[in-house]
Amino acid sequence: MHSSAPRSPLAANEQASGAATDIQAAADAHRQREVRWMALLPAVSPSQARKNKKVRRLLQDGVPSSLRYLVWCHLTDSKARALPGVYTKLGKRPRVPAFMEIEKDATRCFPDQPQLHNTNGPIASLLQAYLSMVPDIQYSPALASIAGHLLLLAPEEDAFWIFASVMDAHLRSYFSSSTIQIEVDAALLSKAVEFNDPALHKKLYVSLQMAPASITRPWFSSLFVGTLPVDHLHRIWDIFLYEGMPFLFRVGLAVIHCVRRLLLQATSEESVLESLTHPPVACLPSSADDLLSLCFSMKLKDDDVRKQRVKMEAQVRRQTQARTHATIGMPSRQTKSISLPRS
C-alpha cells in the first residue's frame, strides 16, 4: 500500500496566502460598504429613503453589520417618531395582561440570549411599553420574536421606536381583533403559489386541504424570525424595510421553492408546516445574497400585490361588517388605538 506523498511546503504556503488574500478582500469590501453607507445616510432624509434608488442599490449590495441598525432606523424613519421621555413613562405603567406570557415567550424564543429574557428584560420591557401605548393590539409570541431580534442589534429605546414604526407601517393589522389582513395576504400568497407552481398548489391547498392562513401567519406575523438563519434573516429585513409587504410574498415563495421536494412528499399538514417554518438549512441557499436572488426571481408583480391587498381587504371588510350588522344590529365600538403618556 503506497502512502500519499507529503504535502509540499510551497503548496501549503500558497494556500495559506490565498486564504489570507480572500479575508483581506472581504474586509476591504466591508470597509468600502461602510464608507458608502456613512456618506449616503446623512445625504438622504429618512422620509425619502424608501424612494431613493441609491439606497436600493446599496441595500442590494449589502449592509455592514456595524451599521445595520442605523440603516433600519433610517428606512423606518423611527427617529422622527421618537418622543423624548415617552418610552420611560410607558414602562412605568401598570403591567399589561400579557406580561407573564411575554416573559415566557422571551425565554422560549431566545434560549441562548439570557440578556434578553432576564427578569424585566428588554423584550418584556419593550412589549410592555408598546402594548400599553397601543392597547388594541392582541399579544402574540410573534411580537416577542420580532422585538427580540431587533434588540440583538439596537439599543432598547431605539429598538422600541423601530418596532413601533414597523408595526404601524406593515404589521399592526395582523394583531388587531380582526384577522382580515392575514386572511387577505394568505389568499394572495395561495394565488401566487398557484401561478408559480400549480402542482404544488394542488398538493397543499387541494389534496391536503390546508387553510392558506396556516402557512402565511407564522411567516408574515414574525417576519420569518425562527424560520431563516440569522444572516439570511438580516438580509431579508434589509430589503423588506425598503420594499414593504410584497417582498414577504417573494420570501414565502422562495422558501416554498427551497423545500418543494419535501412538500410534495409530505403526507400531513403537520409535516408541511414543519418544513415551511423550520426548513432544513441544507435546503436553503448557502448564502444570504443567493436567497435574495432567489426571492427576486419569483414570478410576482409587486404593484399587483399592493393593489390586490387594498382591494381584497376592503371587500372582506365589507362582508365581515355586513355579517356583524346582520347579527348584532349595530356597528361595533372602536377601541382606542393610541395611548401616549401626558407630558
C-alpha atoms as a PDB file:
ATOM      1  CA  MET A   1       0.000   0.000   0.000  1.00  0.00           C
ATOM      2  CA  HIS A   2       1.500   3.300  -1.062  1.00  0.00           C
ATOM      3  CA  SER A   3       1.432   6.221   1.332  1.00  0.00           C
ATOM      4  CA  SER A   4       0.364   9.567  -0.022  1.00  0.00           C
ATOM      5  CA  ALA A   5       3.140  11.940  -0.907  1.00  0.00           C
ATOM      6  CA  PRO A   6       3.954  14.534   1.734  1.00  0.00           C
ATOM      7  CA  ARG A   7       2.396  17.876   1.118  1.00  0.00           C
ATOM      8  CA  SER A   8       4.718  20.439  -0.386  1.00  0.00           C
ATOM      9  CA  PRO A   9       5.531  23.318   1.993  1.00  0.00           C
ATOM     10  CA  LEU A  10       5.311  25.625  -1.009  1.00  0.00           C
ATOM     11  CA  ALA A  11       1.773  24.445  -1.816  1.00  0.00           C
ATOM     12  CA  ALA A  12       0.725  24.887   1.810  1.00  0.00           C
ATOM     13  CA  ASN A  13       2.153  28.400   1.863  1.00  0.00           C
ATOM     14  CA  GLU A  14       0.358  29.276  -1.363  1.00  0.00           C
ATOM     15  CA  GLN A  15      -2.948  28.015   0.042  1.00  0.00           C
ATOM     16  CA  ALA A  16      -2.485  29.991   3.253  1.00  0.00           C
ATOM     17  CA  SER A  17      -1.558  33.063   1.260  1.00  0.00           C
ATOM     18  CA  GLY A  18      -4.669  32.672  -0.896  1.00  0.00           C
ATOM     19  CA  ALA A  19      -6.901  32.375   2.170  1.00  0.00           C
ATOM     20  CA  ALA A  20      -5.334  35.475   3.693  1.00  0.00           C
ATOM     21  CA  THR A  21      -5.904  37.353   0.446  1.00  0.00           C
ATOM     22  CA  ASP A  22      -9.583  36.346   0.431  1.00  0.00           C
ATOM     23  CA  ILE A  23     -10.005  37.504   4.023  1.00  0.00           C
ATOM     24  CA  GLN A  24      -8.334  40.809   3.245  1.00  0.00           C
ATOM     25  CA  ALA A  25     -10.515  41.295   0.163  1.00  0.00           C
ATOM     26  CA  ALA A  26     -13.662  40.649   2.210  1.00  0.00           C
ATOM     27  CA  ALA A  27     -12.510  43.114   4.869  1.00  0.00           C
ATOM     28  CA  ASP A  28     -11.777  45.744   2.217  1.00  0.00           C
ATOM     29  CA  ALA A  29     -15.216  45.251   0.649  1.00  0.00           C
ATOM     30  CA  HIS A  30     -16.827  45.583   4.088  1.00  0.00           C
ATOM     31  CA  ARG A  31     -14.998  48.850   4.746  1.00  0.00           C
ATOM     32  CA  GLN A  32     -15.962  50.189   1.336  1.00  0.00           C
ATOM     33  CA  ARG A  33     -19.629  49.438   2.054  1.00  0.00           C
ATOM     34  CA  GLU A  34     -19.299  51.199   5.404  1.00  0.00           C
ATOM     35  CA  VAL A  35     -17.854  54.278   3.721  1.00  0.00           C
ATOM     36  CA  ARG A  36     -20.621  54.362   1.108  1.00  0.00           C
ATOM     37  CA  TRP A  37     -23.360  53.987   3.707  1.00  0.00           C
ATOM     38  CA  MET A  38     -21.826  56.579   6.018  1.00  0.00           C
ATOM     39  CA  ALA A  39     -21.759  59.024   3.116  1.00  0.00           C
ATOM     40  CA  LEU A  40     -25.310  58.229   1.998  1.00  0.00           C
ATOM     41  CA  LEU A  41     -27.204  58.250   5.297  1.00  0.00           C
ATOM     42  CA  PRO A  42     -26.690  61.973   6.026  1.00  0.00           C
ATOM     43  CA  ALA A  43     -27.356  62.850   2.383  1.00  0.00           C
ATOM     44  CA  VAL A  44     -30.791  61.193   2.117  1.00  0.00           C
ATOM     45  CA  SER A  45     -33.525  62.130   4.563  1.00  0.00           C
ATOM     46  CA  PRO A  46     -35.195  59.159   6.273  1.00  0.00           C
ATOM     47  CA  SER A  47     -38.582  60.206   4.918  1.00  0.00           C
ATOM     48  CA  GLN A  48     -37.224  59.859   1.370  1.00  0.00           C
ATOM     49  CA  ALA A  49     -35.007  56.805   1.877  1.00  0.00           C
ATOM     50  CA  ARG A  50     -37.533  54.270   0.570  1.00  0.00           C
ATOM     51  CA  LYS A  51     -37.902  56.246  -2.656  1.00  0.00           C
ATOM     52  CA  ASN A  52     -34.179  56.628  -3.291  1.00  0.00           C
ATOM     53  CA  LYS A  53     -32.586  54.416  -5.947  1.00  0.00           C
ATOM     54  CA  LYS A  54     -29.102  54.810  -4.468  1.00  0.00           C
ATOM     55  CA  VAL A  55     -30.391  53.446  -1.177  1.00  0.00           C
ATOM     56  CA  ARG A  56     -31.901  50.495  -3.022  1.00  0.00           C
ATOM     57  CA  ARG A  57     -28.643  49.756  -4.830  1.00  0.00           C
ATOM     58  CA  LEU A  58     -26.656  49.871  -1.613  1.00  0.00           C
ATOM     59  CA  LEU A  59     -29.178  47.614   0.118  1.00  0.00           C
ATOM     60  CA  GLN A  60     -28.817  45.029  -2.610  1.00  0.00           C
ATOM     61  CA  ASP A  61     -25.035  45.309  -2.407  1.00  0.00           C
ATOM     62  CA  GLY A  62     -25.126  44.673   1.328  1.00  0.00           C
ATOM     63  CA  VAL A  63     -25.431  46.377   4.700  1.00  0.00           C
ATOM     64  CA  PRO A  64     -22.417  46.306   7.042  1.00  0.00           C
ATOM     65  CA  SER A  65     -23.310  44.673  10.336  1.00  0.00           C
ATOM     66  CA  SER A  66     -21.739  47.630  12.131  1.00  0.00           C
ATOM     67  CA  LEU A  67     -24.307  49.988  10.592  1.00  0.00           C
ATOM     68  CA  ARG A  68     -27.321  47.723  10.164  1.00  0.00           C
ATOM     69  CA  TYR A  69     -29.480  49.045  12.964  1.00  0.00           C
ATOM     70  CA  LEU A  70     -28.757  52.633  11.892  1.00  0.00           C
ATOM     71  CA  VAL A  71     -29.827  51.737   8.358  1.00  0.00           C
ATOM     72  CA  TRP A  72     -33.013  50.199   9.756  1.00  0.00           C
ATOM     73  CA  CYS A  73     -33.636  53.381  11.768  1.00  0.00           C
ATOM     74  CA  HIS A  74     -33.271  55.331   8.548  1.00  0.00           C
ATOM     75  CA  LEU A  75     -35.551  53.099   6.486  1.00  0.00           C
ATOM     76  CA  THR A  76     -38.297  53.171   9.129  1.00  0.00           C
ATOM     77  CA  ASP A  77     -37.824  56.879   9.921  1.00  0.00           C
ATOM     78  CA  SER A  78     -38.040  55.832  13.554  1.00  0.00           C
ATOM     79  CA  LYS A  79     -36.067  58.798  14.873  1.00  0.00           C
ATOM     80  CA  ALA A  80     -38.845  61.116  13.690  1.00  0.00           C
ATOM     81  CA  ARG A  81     -41.335  59.153  15.799  1.00  0.00           C
ATOM     82  CA  ALA A  82     -39.236  59.065  18.944  1.00  0.00           C
ATOM     83  CA  LEU A  83     -40.662  61.339  21.634  1.00  0.00           C
ATOM     84  CA  PRO A  84     -38.219  62.153  24.439  1.00  0.00           C
ATOM     85  CA  GLY A  85     -39.121  60.509  27.720  1.00  0.00           C
ATOM     86  CA  VAL A  86     -42.130  58.611  26.372  1.00  0.00           C
ATOM     87  CA  TYR A  87     -40.517  55.176  26.438  1.00  0.00           C
ATOM     88  CA  THR A  88     -39.541  55.563  30.088  1.00  0.00           C
ATOM     89  CA  LYS A  89     -43.029  56.750  31.027  1.00  0.00           C
ATOM     90  CA  LEU A  90     -44.680  53.880  29.180  1.00  0.00           C
ATOM     91  CA  GLY A  91     -42.514  51.447  31.102  1.00  0.00           C
ATOM     92  CA  LYS A  92     -43.880  52.779  34.396  1.00  0.00           C
ATOM     93  CA  ARG A  93     -47.485  52.000  33.537  1.00  0.00           C
ATOM     94  CA  PRO A  94     -49.235  49.020  35.167  1.00  0.00           C
ATOM     95  CA  ARG A  95     -48.218  45.722  33.659  1.00  0.00           C
ATOM     96  CA  VAL A  96     -50.206  44.648  30.638  1.00  0.00           C
ATOM     97  CA  PRO A  97     -52.240  41.421  30.997  1.00  0.00           C
ATOM     98  CA  ALA A  98     -49.846  39.532  28.710  1.00  0.00           C
ATOM     99  CA  PHE A  99     -46.699  40.440  30.673  1.00  0.00           C
ATOM    100  CA  MET A 100     -46.052  36.998  32.178  1.00  0.00           C
ATOM    101  CA  GLU A 101     -46.713  35.347  28.826  1.00  0.00           C
ATOM    102  CA  ILE A 102     -44.231  37.725  27.201  1.00  0.00           C
ATOM    103  CA  GLU A 103     -41.531  36.746  29.697  1.00  0.00           C
ATOM    104  CA  LYS A 104     -42.117  33.054  28.994  1.00  0.00           C
ATOM    105  CA  ASP A 105     -42.027  33.598  25.235  1.00  0.00           C
ATOM    106  CA  ALA A 106     -38.833  35.648  25.502  1.00  0.00           C
ATOM    107  CA  THR A 107     -37.108  32.708  27.178  1.00  0.00           C
ATOM    108  CA  ARG A 108     -38.549  30.207  24.712  1.00  0.00           C
ATOM    109  CA  CYS A 109     -37.719  32.243  21.602  1.00  0.00           C
ATOM    110  CA  PHE A 110     -34.194  33.234  22.647  1.00  0.00           C
ATOM    111  CA  PRO A 111     -32.912  30.491  24.970  1.00  0.00           C
ATOM    112  CA  ASP A 112     -29.277  31.276  24.137  1.00  0.00           C
ATOM    113  CA  GLN A 113     -29.631  35.023  24.778  1.00  0.00           C
ATOM    114  CA  PRO A 114     -30.147  35.379  28.545  1.00  0.00           C
ATOM    115  CA  GLN A 115     -29.617  39.139  28.351  1.00  0.00           C
ATOM    116  CA  LEU A 116     -32.949  39.367  26.516  1.00  0.00           C
ATOM    117  CA  HIS A 117     -35.084  37.469  29.000  1.00  0.00           C
ATOM    118  CA  ASN A 118     -33.804  38.214  32.471  1.00  0.00           C
ATOM    119  CA  THR A 119     -36.447  39.376  34.945  1.00  0.00           C
ATOM    120  CA  ASN A 120     -37.900  42.558  33.464  1.00  0.00           C
ATOM    121  CA  GLY A 121     -35.581  42.007  30.498  1.00  0.00           C
ATOM    122  CA  PRO A 122     -35.638  44.189  27.385  1.00  0.00           C
ATOM    123  CA  ILE A 123     -38.134  42.085  25.394  1.00  0.00           C
ATOM    124  CA  ALA A 124     -40.675  42.286  28.206  1.00  0.00           C
ATOM    125  CA  SER A 125     -39.927  45.978  28.761  1.00  0.00           C
ATOM    126  CA  LEU A 126     -40.257  46.851  25.076  1.00  0.00           C
ATOM    127  CA  LEU A 127     -43.529  44.981  24.619  1.00  0.00           C
ATOM    128  CA  GLN A 128     -44.892  46.259  27.931  1.00  0.00           C
ATOM    129  CA  ALA A 129     -44.338  49.788  26.631  1.00  0.00           C
ATOM    130  CA  TYR A 130     -45.781  49.085  23.192  1.00  0.00           C
ATOM    131  CA  LEU A 131     -48.864  47.182  24.333  1.00  0.00           C
ATOM    132  CA  SER A 132     -49.682  49.850  26.887  1.00  0.00           C
ATOM    133  CA  MET A 133     -49.317  52.503  24.183  1.00  0.00           C
ATOM    134  CA  VAL A 134     -51.400  50.582  21.629  1.00  0.00           C
ATOM    135  CA  PRO A 135     -53.984  48.720  23.724  1.00  0.00           C
ATOM    136  CA  ASP A 136     -55.975  47.372  20.781  1.00  0.00           C
ATOM    137  CA  ILE A 137     -53.084  45.064  19.834  1.00  0.00           C
ATOM    138  CA  GLN A 138     -53.569  41.423  20.759  1.00  0.00           C
ATOM    139  CA  TYR A 139     -50.355  39.892  22.026  1.00  0.00           C
ATOM    140  CA  SER A 140     -48.787  37.026  20.082  1.00  0.00           C
ATOM    141  CA  PRO A 141     -45.437  35.242  20.524  1.00  0.00           C
ATOM    142  CA  ALA A 142     -44.522  36.603  17.086  1.00  0.00           C
ATOM    143  CA  LEU A 143     -44.200  40.041  18.680  1.00  0.00           C
ATOM    144  CA  ALA A 144     -41.594  38.691  21.103  1.00  0.00           C
ATOM    145  CA  SER A 145     -39.698  37.187  18.173  1.00  0.00           C
ATOM    146  CA  ILE A 146     -39.549  40.482  16.287  1.00  0.00           C
ATOM    147  CA  ALA A 147     -38.743  42.559  19.364  1.00  0.00           C
ATOM    148  CA  GLY A 148     -36.005  40.173  20.440  1.00  0.00           C
ATOM    149  CA  HIS A 149     -34.366  40.185  17.050  1.00  0.00           C
ATOM    150  CA  LEU A 150     -34.301  43.981  16.994  1.00  0.00           C
ATOM    151  CA  LEU A 151     -32.819  44.038  20.486  1.00  0.00           C
ATOM    152  CA  LEU A 152     -29.931  41.863  19.346  1.00  0.00           C
ATOM    153  CA  LEU A 153     -28.823  44.758  17.138  1.00  0.00           C
ATOM    154  CA  ALA A 154     -30.177  48.002  18.572  1.00  0.00           C
ATOM    155  CA  PRO A 155     -30.210  49.734  21.960  1.00  0.00           C
ATOM    156  CA  GLU A 156     -33.501  49.188  23.759  1.00  0.00           C
ATOM    157  CA  GLU A 157     -35.179  52.538  23.169  1.00  0.00           C
ATOM    158  CA  ASP A 158     -34.060  52.678  19.534  1.00  0.00           C
ATOM    159  CA  ALA A 159     -35.374  49.135  19.079  1.00  0.00           C
ATOM    160  CA  PHE A 160     -38.717  50.243  20.535  1.00  0.00           C
ATOM    161  CA  TRP A 161     -39.191  53.034  18.010  1.00  0.00           C
ATOM    162  CA  ILE A 162     -38.095  50.834  15.092  1.00  0.00           C
ATOM    163  CA  PHE A 163     -40.564  48.224  16.329  1.00  0.00           C
ATOM    164  CA  ALA A 164     -43.364  50.793  16.586  1.00  0.00           C
ATOM    165  CA  SER A 165     -42.580  52.077  13.089  1.00  0.00           C
ATOM    166  CA  VAL A 166     -42.596  48.594  11.545  1.00  0.00           C
ATOM    167  CA  MET A 167     -45.835  47.740  13.308  1.00  0.00           C
ATOM    168  CA  ASP A 168     -47.587  50.892  12.128  1.00  0.00           C
ATOM    169  CA  ALA A 169     -46.292  50.659   8.573  1.00  0.00           C
ATOM    170  CA  HIS A 170     -46.735  46.942   7.968  1.00  0.00           C
ATOM    171  CA  LEU A 171     -47.882  44.601  10.718  1.00  0.00           C
ATOM    172  CA  ARG A 172     -50.318  46.217  13.096  1.00  0.00           C
ATOM    173  CA  SER A 173     -53.398  44.887  11.339  1.00  0.00           C
ATOM    174  CA  TYR A 174     -52.140  41.328  11.867  1.00  0.00           C
ATOM    175  CA  PHE A 175     -52.506  41.738  15.622  1.00  0.00           C
ATOM    176  CA  SER A 176     -55.805  43.571  15.831  1.00  0.00           C
ATOM    177  CA  SER A 177     -59.005  41.913  16.988  1.00  0.00           C
ATOM    178  CA  SER A 178     -59.803  41.324  13.321  1.00  0.00           C
ATOM    179  CA  THR A 179     -57.759  38.847  11.286  1.00  0.00           C
ATOM    180  CA  ILE A 180     -58.875  40.305   7.964  1.00  0.00           C
ATOM    181  CA  GLN A 181     -55.421  41.291   6.708  1.00  0.00           C
ATOM    182  CA  ILE A 182     -53.755  37.959   7.405  1.00  0.00           C
ATOM    183  CA  GLU A 183     -56.612  36.189   5.633  1.00  0.00           C
ATOM    184  CA  VAL A 184     -56.244  38.513   2.657  1.00  0.00           C
ATOM    185  CA  ASP A 185     -52.488  38.002   2.461  1.00  0.00           C
ATOM    186  CA  ALA A 186     -52.910  34.251   2.845  1.00  0.00           C
ATOM    187  CA  ALA A 187     -55.293  34.188  -0.107  1.00  0.00           C
ATOM    188  CA  LEU A 188     -52.895  36.276  -2.193  1.00  0.00           C
ATOM    189  CA  LEU A 189     -49.950  34.021  -1.364  1.00  0.00           C
ATOM    190  CA  SER A 190     -52.040  30.997  -2.314  1.00  0.00           C
ATOM    191  CA  LYS A 191     -52.702  32.564  -5.716  1.00  0.00           C
ATOM    192  CA  ALA A 192     -49.001  33.345  -6.120  1.00  0.00           C
ATOM    193  CA  VAL A 193     -48.109  29.723  -5.339  1.00  0.00           C
ATOM    194  CA  GLU A 194     -50.641  28.556  -7.924  1.00  0.00           C
ATOM    195  CA  PHE A 195     -49.120  30.857 -10.535  1.00  0.00           C
ATOM    196  CA  ASN A 196     -45.535  29.782  -9.776  1.00  0.00           C
ATOM    197  CA  ASP A 197     -46.125  26.072  -9.135  1.00  0.00           C
ATOM    198  CA  PRO A 198     -49.610  24.679  -9.963  1.00  0.00           C
ATOM    199  CA  ALA A 199     -48.689  21.116  -8.967  1.00  0.00           C
ATOM    200  CA  LEU A 200     -47.515  22.163  -5.530  1.00  0.00           C
ATOM    201  CA  HIS A 201     -50.544  24.402  -5.064  1.00  0.00           C
ATOM    202  CA  LYS A 202     -52.788  21.427  -5.755  1.00  0.00           C
ATOM    203  CA  LYS A 203     -50.884  19.315  -3.228  1.00  0.00           C
ATOM    204  CA  LEU A 204     -51.051  21.893  -0.422  1.00  0.00           C
ATOM    205  CA  TYR A 205     -54.428  23.508  -0.868  1.00  0.00           C
ATOM    206  CA  VAL A 206     -56.459  20.759  -2.560  1.00  0.00           C
ATOM    207  CA  SER A 207     -55.051  17.365  -1.606  1.00  0.00           C
ATOM    208  CA  LEU A 208     -54.080  18.316   1.955  1.00  0.00           C
ATOM    209  CA  GLN A 209     -56.831  20.960   2.178  1.00  0.00           C
ATOM    210  CA  MET A 210     -54.590  23.343   4.076  1.00  0.00           C
ATOM    211  CA  ALA A 211     -56.018  26.668   5.172  1.00  0.00           C
ATOM    212  CA  PRO A 212     -53.993  29.412   3.448  1.00  0.00           C
ATOM    213  CA  ALA A 213     -53.553  31.323   6.711  1.00  0.00           C
ATOM    214  CA  SER A 214     -51.909  28.326   8.379  1.00  0.00           C
ATOM    215  CA  ILE A 215     -48.974  28.819   6.014  1.00  0.00           C
ATOM    216  CA  THR A 216     -48.865  32.599   5.903  1.00  0.00           C
ATOM    217  CA  ARG A 217     -49.465  33.550   9.542  1.00  0.00           C
ATOM    218  CA  PRO A 218     -46.311  32.077  11.141  1.00  0.00           C
ATOM    219  CA  TRP A 219     -44.135  33.653   8.446  1.00  0.00           C
ATOM    220  CA  PHE A 220     -45.574  37.114   7.959  1.00  0.00           C
ATOM    221  CA  SER A 221     -46.522  37.862  11.563  1.00  0.00           C
ATOM    222  CA  SER A 222     -42.963  37.113  12.737  1.00  0.00           C
ATOM    223  CA  LEU A 223     -41.148  38.447   9.652  1.00  0.00           C
ATOM    224  CA  PHE A 224     -39.577  34.980   9.264  1.00  0.00           C
ATOM    225  CA  VAL A 225     -37.794  35.084  12.633  1.00  0.00           C
ATOM    226  CA  GLY A 226     -37.149  31.478  13.634  1.00  0.00           C
ATOM    227  CA  THR A 227     -37.584  30.278  10.061  1.00  0.00           C
ATOM    228  CA  LEU A 228     -34.391  31.572   8.458  1.00  0.00           C
ATOM    229  CA  PRO A 229     -30.773  31.576   9.682  1.00  0.00           C
ATOM    230  CA  VAL A 230     -29.766  34.895  11.218  1.00  0.00           C
ATOM    231  CA  ASP A 231     -27.543  36.036   8.333  1.00  0.00           C
ATOM    232  CA  HIS A 232     -30.302  35.278   5.842  1.00  0.00           C
ATOM    233  CA  LEU A 233     -32.862  36.975   8.070  1.00  0.00           C
ATOM    234  CA  HIS A 234     -30.818  40.169   8.306  1.00  0.00           C
ATOM    235  CA  ARG A 235     -30.642  40.469   4.534  1.00  0.00           C
ATOM    236  CA  ILE A 236     -34.368  39.739   4.215  1.00  0.00           C
ATOM    237  CA  TRP A 237     -35.152  42.526   6.679  1.00  0.00           C
ATOM    238  CA  ASP A 238     -32.766  44.906   4.890  1.00  0.00           C
ATOM    239  CA  ILE A 239     -34.805  44.573   1.710  1.00  0.00           C
ATOM    240  CA  PHE A 240     -38.221  44.254   3.366  1.00  0.00           C
ATOM    241  CA  LEU A 241     -37.830  47.576   5.170  1.00  0.00           C
ATOM    242  CA  TYR A 242     -37.302  49.202   1.774  1.00  0.00           C
ATOM    243  CA  GLU A 243     -39.665  47.220  -0.457  1.00  0.00           C
ATOM    244  CA  GLY A 244     -42.503  46.667   2.012  1.00  0.00           C
ATOM    245  CA  MET A 245     -45.001  43.826   2.269  1.00  0.00           C
ATOM    246  CA  PRO A 246     -44.796  42.491  -1.315  1.00  0.00           C
ATOM    247  CA  PHE A 247     -41.259  41.346  -0.566  1.00  0.00           C
ATOM    248  CA  LEU A 248     -42.559  38.998   2.140  1.00  0.00           C
ATOM    249  CA  PHE A 249     -44.570  37.239  -0.562  1.00  0.00           C
ATOM    250  CA  ARG A 250     -41.353  36.766  -2.519  1.00  0.00           C
ATOM    251  CA  VAL A 251     -39.619  35.334   0.536  1.00  0.00           C
ATOM    252  CA  GLY A 252     -42.501  32.945   1.129  1.00  0.00           C
ATOM    253  CA  LEU A 253     -42.394  31.756  -2.474  1.00  0.00           C
ATOM    254  CA  ALA A 254     -38.619  31.308  -2.233  1.00  0.00           C
ATOM    255  CA  VAL A 255     -38.860  29.193   0.928  1.00  0.00           C
ATOM    256  CA  ILE A 256     -41.574  27.077  -0.688  1.00  0.00           C
ATOM    257  CA  HIS A 257     -39.322  26.606  -3.713  1.00  0.00           C
ATOM    258  CA  CYS A 258     -36.430  25.522  -1.491  1.00  0.00           C
ATOM    259  CA  VAL A 259     -38.408  22.795   0.271  1.00  0.00           C
ATOM    260  CA  ARG A 260     -40.543  21.803  -2.718  1.00  0.00           C
ATOM    261  CA  ARG A 261     -39.388  18.184  -2.717  1.00  0.00           C
ATOM    262  CA  LEU A 262     -40.221  17.797   0.977  1.00  0.00           C
ATOM    263  CA  LEU A 263     -43.641  19.337   0.458  1.00  0.00           C
ATOM    264  CA  LEU A 264     -44.507  17.036  -2.421  1.00  0.00           C
ATOM    265  CA  GLN A 265     -43.502  14.049  -0.281  1.00  0.00           C
ATOM    266  CA  ALA A 266     -45.445  15.242   2.771  1.00  0.00           C
ATOM    267  CA  THR A 267     -48.445  13.226   3.880  1.00  0.00           C
ATOM    268  CA  SER A 268     -49.838  15.567   6.530  1.00  0.00           C
ATOM    269  CA  GLU A 269     -50.371  19.227   7.269  1.00  0.00           C
ATOM    270  CA  GLU A 270     -48.048  18.926  10.262  1.00  0.00           C
ATOM    271  CA  SER A 271     -45.106  17.771   8.160  1.00  0.00           C
ATOM    272  CA  VAL A 272     -45.740  20.557   5.646  1.00  0.00           C
ATOM    273  CA  LEU A 273     -45.754  23.219   8.348  1.00  0.00           C
ATOM    274  CA  GLU A 274     -42.589  21.810   9.891  1.00  0.00           C
ATOM    275  CA  SER A 275     -40.783  22.055   6.546  1.00  0.00           C
ATOM    276  CA  LEU A 276     -42.064  25.582   5.943  1.00  0.00           C
ATOM    277  CA  THR A 277     -41.479  27.071   9.379  1.00  0.00           C
ATOM    278  CA  HIS A 278     -38.204  25.221  10.044  1.00  0.00           C
ATOM    279  CA  PRO A 279     -36.719  24.452   6.625  1.00  0.00           C
ATOM    280  CA  PRO A 280     -33.566  22.319   6.752  1.00  0.00           C
ATOM    281  CA  VAL A 281     -30.528  24.530   6.305  1.00  0.00           C
ATOM    282  CA  ALA A 282     -29.318  22.194   3.563  1.00  0.00           C
ATOM    283  CA  CYS A 283     -32.405  23.116   1.523  1.00  0.00           C
ATOM    284  CA  LEU A 284     -31.734  26.849   1.682  1.00  0.00           C
ATOM    285  CA  PRO A 285     -29.245  28.769  -0.468  1.00  0.00           C
ATOM    286  CA  SER A 286     -25.847  28.706   1.197  1.00  0.00           C
ATOM    287  CA  SER A 287     -25.520  32.487   1.265  1.00  0.00           C
ATOM    288  CA  ALA A 288     -27.960  35.216   2.203  1.00  0.00           C
ATOM    289  CA  ASP A 289     -27.360  37.000  -1.088  1.00  0.00           C
ATOM    290  CA  ASP A 290     -28.227  33.837  -3.008  1.00  0.00           C
ATOM    291  CA  LEU A 291     -31.511  33.733  -1.107  1.00  0.00           C
ATOM    292  CA  LEU A 292     -32.199  37.341  -2.113  1.00  0.00           C
ATOM    293  CA  SER A 293     -31.525  36.470  -5.744  1.00  0.00           C
ATOM    294  CA  LEU A 294     -33.977  33.591  -5.470  1.00  0.00           C
ATOM    295  CA  CYS A 295     -36.600  35.889  -3.927  1.00  0.00           C
ATOM    296  CA  PHE A 296     -36.296  38.378  -6.764  1.00  0.00           C
ATOM    297  CA  SER A 297     -36.532  35.578  -9.333  1.00  0.00           C
ATOM    298  CA  MET A 298     -40.013  34.576  -8.181  1.00  0.00           C
ATOM    299  CA  LYS A 299     -42.828  35.377 -10.611  1.00  0.00           C
ATOM    300  CA  LEU A 300     -44.682  38.154  -8.833  1.00  0.00           C
ATOM    301  CA  LYS A 301     -45.731  41.694  -9.689  1.00  0.00           C
ATOM    302  CA  ASP A 302     -45.230  43.803  -6.593  1.00  0.00           C
ATOM    303  CA  ASP A 303     -47.607  46.551  -7.715  1.00  0.00           C
ATOM    304  CA  ASP A 304     -50.333  43.978  -8.300  1.00  0.00           C
ATOM    305  CA  VAL A 305     -49.836  42.658  -4.771  1.00  0.00           C
ATOM    306  CA  ARG A 306     -50.201  46.163  -3.351  1.00  0.00           C
ATOM    307  CA  LYS A 307     -53.365  46.838  -5.340  1.00  0.00           C
ATOM    308  CA  GLN A 308     -54.917  43.454  -4.603  1.00  0.00           C
ATOM    309  CA  ARG A 309     -54.206  43.777  -0.873  1.00  0.00           C
ATOM    310  CA  VAL A 310     -56.187  47.007  -0.731  1.00  0.00           C
ATOM    311  CA  LYS A 311     -58.979  45.707  -2.950  1.00  0.00           C
ATOM    312  CA  MET A 312     -59.404  42.370  -1.179  1.00  0.00           C
ATOM    313  CA  GLU A 313     -59.100  43.905   2.287  1.00  0.00           C
ATOM    314  CA  ALA A 314     -61.937  46.321   1.525  1.00  0.00           C
ATOM    315  CA  GLN A 315     -64.043  43.524   0.066  1.00  0.00           C
ATOM    316  CA  VAL A 316     -63.543  41.193   3.033  1.00  0.00           C
ATOM    317  CA  ARG A 317     -64.137  44.033   5.492  1.00  0.00           C
ATOM    318  CA  ARG A 318     -67.458  44.889   3.849  1.00  0.00           C
ATOM    319  CA  GLN A 319     -68.523  41.255   4.005  1.00  0.00           C
ATOM    320  CA  THR A 320     -67.487  40.988   7.648  1.00  0.00           C
ATOM    321  CA  GLN A 321     -69.268  44.198   8.611  1.00  0.00           C
ATOM    322  CA  ALA A 322     -72.404  43.067   6.811  1.00  0.00           C
ATOM    323  CA  ARG A 323     -72.403  39.812   8.780  1.00  0.00           C
ATOM    324  CA  THR A 324     -71.745  41.686  12.024  1.00  0.00           C
ATOM    325  CA  HIS A 325     -74.555  44.162  11.442  1.00  0.00           C
ATOM    326  CA  ALA A 326     -76.941  41.388  10.497  1.00  0.00           C
ATOM    327  CA  THR A 327     -76.106  39.516  13.697  1.00  0.00           C
ATOM    328  CA  ILE A 328     -75.861  42.360  16.187  1.00  0.00           C
ATOM    329  CA  GLY A 329     -77.895  45.040  14.520  1.00  0.00           C
ATOM    330  CA  MET A 330     -75.414  47.836  15.171  1.00  0.00           C
ATOM    331  CA  PRO A 331     -71.797  48.737  14.416  1.00  0.00           C
ATOM    332  CA  SER A 332     -69.179  47.548  16.880  1.00  0.00           C
ATOM    333  CA  ARG A 333     -67.483  50.105  19.089  1.00  0.00           C
ATOM    334  CA  GLN A 334     -63.963  51.095  18.163  1.00  0.00           C
ATOM    335  CA  THR A 335     -61.150  50.567  20.639  1.00  0.00           C
ATOM    336  CA  LYS A 336     -58.921  53.493  21.463  1.00  0.00           C
ATOM    337  CA  SER A 337     -55.873  52.966  19.273  1.00  0.00           C
ATOM    338  CA  ILE A 338     -53.085  55.024  20.848  1.00  0.00           C
ATOM    339  CA  SER A 339     -52.495  55.913  24.470  1.00  0.00           C
ATOM    340  CA  LEU A 340     -49.481  58.170  24.984  1.00  0.00           C
ATOM    341  CA  PRO A 341     -48.456  59.415  28.418  1.00  0.00           C
ATOM    342  CA  ARG A 342     -49.144  63.028  29.230  1.00  0.00           C
ATOM    343  CA  SER A 343     -46.155  65.298  29.384  1.00  0.00           C
END
